[in-house]
Protein backbone atom coordinates (compact mmCIF):
# COMPACT_ATOMS: atom_id res chain seq x y z
CA MET A 1 0.00 0.00 0.00
CA SER A 2 1.31 3.43 -0.90
CA GLU A 3 2.22 5.85 1.83
CA ASN A 4 0.90 8.87 -0.15
CA PHE A 5 -1.63 9.60 2.57
CA GLN A 6 -1.17 11.26 5.90
CA LYS A 7 -2.65 9.61 8.97
CA LEU A 8 -5.42 11.62 10.55
CA THR A 9 -4.70 12.77 14.07
CA LEU A 10 -7.53 11.93 16.42
CA GLY A 11 -7.83 12.41 20.14
CA GLU A 12 -8.16 9.31 22.30
CA ASN A 13 -11.95 9.60 22.66
CA HIS A 14 -12.47 10.19 18.94
CA ARG A 15 -10.22 7.25 18.07
CA ARG A 16 -12.18 4.96 20.40
CA VAL A 17 -15.52 5.99 18.89
CA VAL A 18 -14.24 5.66 15.32
CA SER A 19 -12.75 2.25 16.18
CA SER A 20 -16.04 1.08 17.67
CA VAL A 21 -18.02 2.23 14.64
CA LEU A 22 -15.57 0.56 12.24
CA ARG A 23 -15.82 -2.71 14.19
CA HIS A 24 -19.62 -2.48 14.01
CA VAL A 25 -19.53 -1.82 10.25
CA GLU A 26 -17.20 -4.81 9.81
CA ALA A 27 -19.55 -6.97 11.91
CA THR A 28 -22.44 -5.84 9.71
CA GLY A 29 -20.60 -7.12 6.65
CA ASP A 30 -19.97 -10.42 8.45
CA GLU A 31 -23.67 -10.68 9.32
CA VAL A 32 -24.67 -10.03 5.70
CA LEU A 33 -22.44 -12.92 4.60
CA ALA A 34 -23.80 -15.12 7.40
CA TRP A 35 -27.41 -14.44 6.39
CA ILE A 36 -26.62 -15.29 2.77
CA ARG A 37 -25.42 -18.78 3.70
CA ARG A 38 -27.46 -19.35 6.89
CA PRO A 39 -29.71 -22.39 6.63
CA GLY A 40 -33.14 -22.37 8.14
CA GLY A 41 -33.67 -24.17 11.40
CA ILE A 42 -36.33 -26.15 13.17
CA LEU A 43 -38.16 -23.07 14.47
CA GLN A 44 -36.67 -20.49 12.14
CA HIS A 45 -37.72 -20.80 8.52
CA LEU A 46 -35.98 -18.54 6.04
CA SER A 47 -37.44 -17.55 2.70
CA GLU A 48 -35.15 -17.99 -0.28
CA ASP A 49 -35.60 -14.42 -1.49
CA ILE A 50 -31.97 -13.65 -2.37
CA SER A 51 -31.01 -14.78 -5.87
CA GLY A 52 -27.58 -16.17 -6.69
CA ARG A 53 -26.78 -12.95 -8.55
CA GLN A 54 -27.80 -10.83 -5.55
CA ALA A 55 -25.75 -13.02 -3.20
CA ASP A 56 -22.70 -12.66 -5.45
CA GLU A 57 -23.17 -8.90 -5.61
CA LEU A 58 -23.53 -8.68 -1.84
CA ARG A 59 -20.34 -10.76 -1.37
CA THR A 60 -18.50 -8.39 -3.71
CA LEU A 61 -19.83 -5.35 -1.86
CA VAL A 62 -18.84 -6.81 1.51
CA GLY A 63 -15.36 -7.29 0.06
CA ARG A 64 -15.30 -3.64 -0.97
CA LEU A 65 -16.60 -2.66 2.46
CA ARG A 66 -13.72 -4.56 4.09
CA GLU A 67 -11.21 -2.83 1.79
CA GLU A 68 -12.61 0.55 2.79
CA ILE A 69 -12.57 -0.40 6.47
CA ASN A 70 -8.93 -1.42 6.10
CA ARG A 71 -8.15 1.87 4.36
CA VAL A 72 -9.85 3.93 7.08
CA GLN A 73 -8.23 1.84 9.81
CA ASN A 74 -4.81 2.51 8.32
CA GLU A 75 -5.50 6.23 8.01
CA VAL A 76 -6.86 6.77 11.51
CA ALA A 77 -4.98 4.05 13.43
CA ALA A 78 -8.20 2.50 14.75
CA ASP A 79 -7.96 -0.01 17.57
CA PRO A 80 -8.79 -3.58 16.58
CA SER A 81 -10.81 -5.57 19.06
CA SER A 82 -9.57 -8.82 20.52
CA GLN A 83 -12.35 -11.17 21.56
CA SER A 84 -12.42 -14.57 23.15
CA ARG A 85 -14.48 -17.10 21.24
CA SER A 86 -15.06 -19.17 24.37
CA ARG A 87 -16.24 -16.15 26.39
CA ARG A 88 -18.58 -15.06 23.59
CA ILE A 89 -20.03 -18.56 23.34
CA ALA A 90 -20.31 -18.76 27.14
CA ALA A 91 -22.20 -15.45 27.17
CA LEU A 92 -24.64 -16.62 24.47
CA VAL A 93 -25.25 -19.93 26.23
CA SER A 94 -25.65 -18.18 29.59
CA LEU A 95 -28.28 -15.85 28.16
CA ALA A 96 -30.21 -18.76 26.67
CA ARG A 97 -30.02 -20.61 30.01
CA ILE A 98 -31.39 -17.59 31.88
CA GLU A 99 -34.25 -17.18 29.40
CA LEU A 100 -35.09 -20.86 29.64
CA GLN A 101 -34.98 -20.82 33.44
CA GLU A 102 -37.39 -17.87 33.40
CA VAL A 103 -40.09 -20.01 31.79
CA LEU A 104 -39.70 -22.99 34.10
CA THR A 105 -42.43 -23.31 36.71
CA PRO A 106 -43.59 -20.89 38.02
CA GLY A 107 -42.29 -18.56 35.28
CA LEU A 108 -45.09 -19.21 32.83
CA ARG A 109 -47.80 -18.65 35.45
CA GLY A 110 -47.64 -14.95 34.69
CA TYR A 111 -49.15 -15.78 31.30
CA GLY A 112 -52.07 -17.69 32.76
CA SER A 113 -52.61 -20.94 34.59
CA LEU A 114 -51.54 -24.31 33.27
CA LEU A 115 -52.65 -27.73 34.38
CA PRO A 116 -50.12 -29.20 36.84
CA GLU A 117 -49.37 -32.12 34.52
CA THR A 118 -48.76 -29.67 31.63
CA GLU A 119 -46.38 -27.66 33.85
CA ALA A 120 -44.52 -30.83 34.82
CA ALA A 121 -44.26 -32.05 31.21
CA LEU A 122 -43.05 -28.65 29.99
CA ASP A 123 -40.53 -28.41 32.84
CA ALA A 124 -39.19 -31.86 31.90
CA LYS A 125 -38.75 -30.82 28.27
CA PHE A 126 -37.11 -27.52 29.23
CA SER A 127 -34.88 -29.34 31.73
CA ARG A 128 -33.47 -31.43 28.87
CA LEU A 129 -32.76 -28.24 26.94
CA LEU A 130 -31.13 -26.75 30.03
CA ALA A 131 -28.96 -29.86 30.42
CA CYS A 132 -27.69 -29.40 26.86
CA LEU A 133 -26.94 -25.72 27.48
CA GLU A 134 -25.17 -26.55 30.75
CA ALA A 135 -23.01 -29.11 28.94
CA MET A 136 -22.14 -26.43 26.36
CA SER A 137 -21.15 -24.11 29.22
CA ARG A 138 -18.86 -26.77 30.67
CA VAL A 139 -17.17 -27.26 27.28
CA VAL A 140 -16.27 -23.59 26.91
CA GLU A 141 -15.32 -23.21 30.58
CA HIS A 142 -12.55 -25.73 30.04
CA SER A 143 -11.29 -24.28 26.79
CA GLY A 144 -7.74 -23.09 26.68
CA PRO A 145 -5.67 -21.19 24.18
CA ARG A 146 -5.69 -22.79 20.79
CA SER A 147 -3.80 -22.02 17.64
CA ALA A 148 -5.70 -20.64 14.67
CA PRO A 149 -6.79 -23.22 12.07
């Protein structure tokens, strides 16, 4: 890359805000790519309303977006973020566990009464989901540093 540009001088607060915005813009590009290839799920059906041509164009535009982010980052010396995959996964799993625990008995009673046998059956089903989430938590709790693939 040519050094024909002069880095912009930003104060610490401005640099932090610009860095945060650039990271968010980069994450938006990542999300666009993820939505292009994301399969539907059991409870989340996705309509196939992006054509192959549109997907290709979006991929190209995300590539351009990344080039522009890189250019801006080089010109303003933005701070890259360093994140822990295991902590991010642990946070997601923890949130899902909390939400699930909120609907265990008596959590759903605020939405109206259920028959006791319905409550018990639902609690049993949700307990199995909770067990899976707890196992996921244990996996990431014991993760250590790993080299990049």
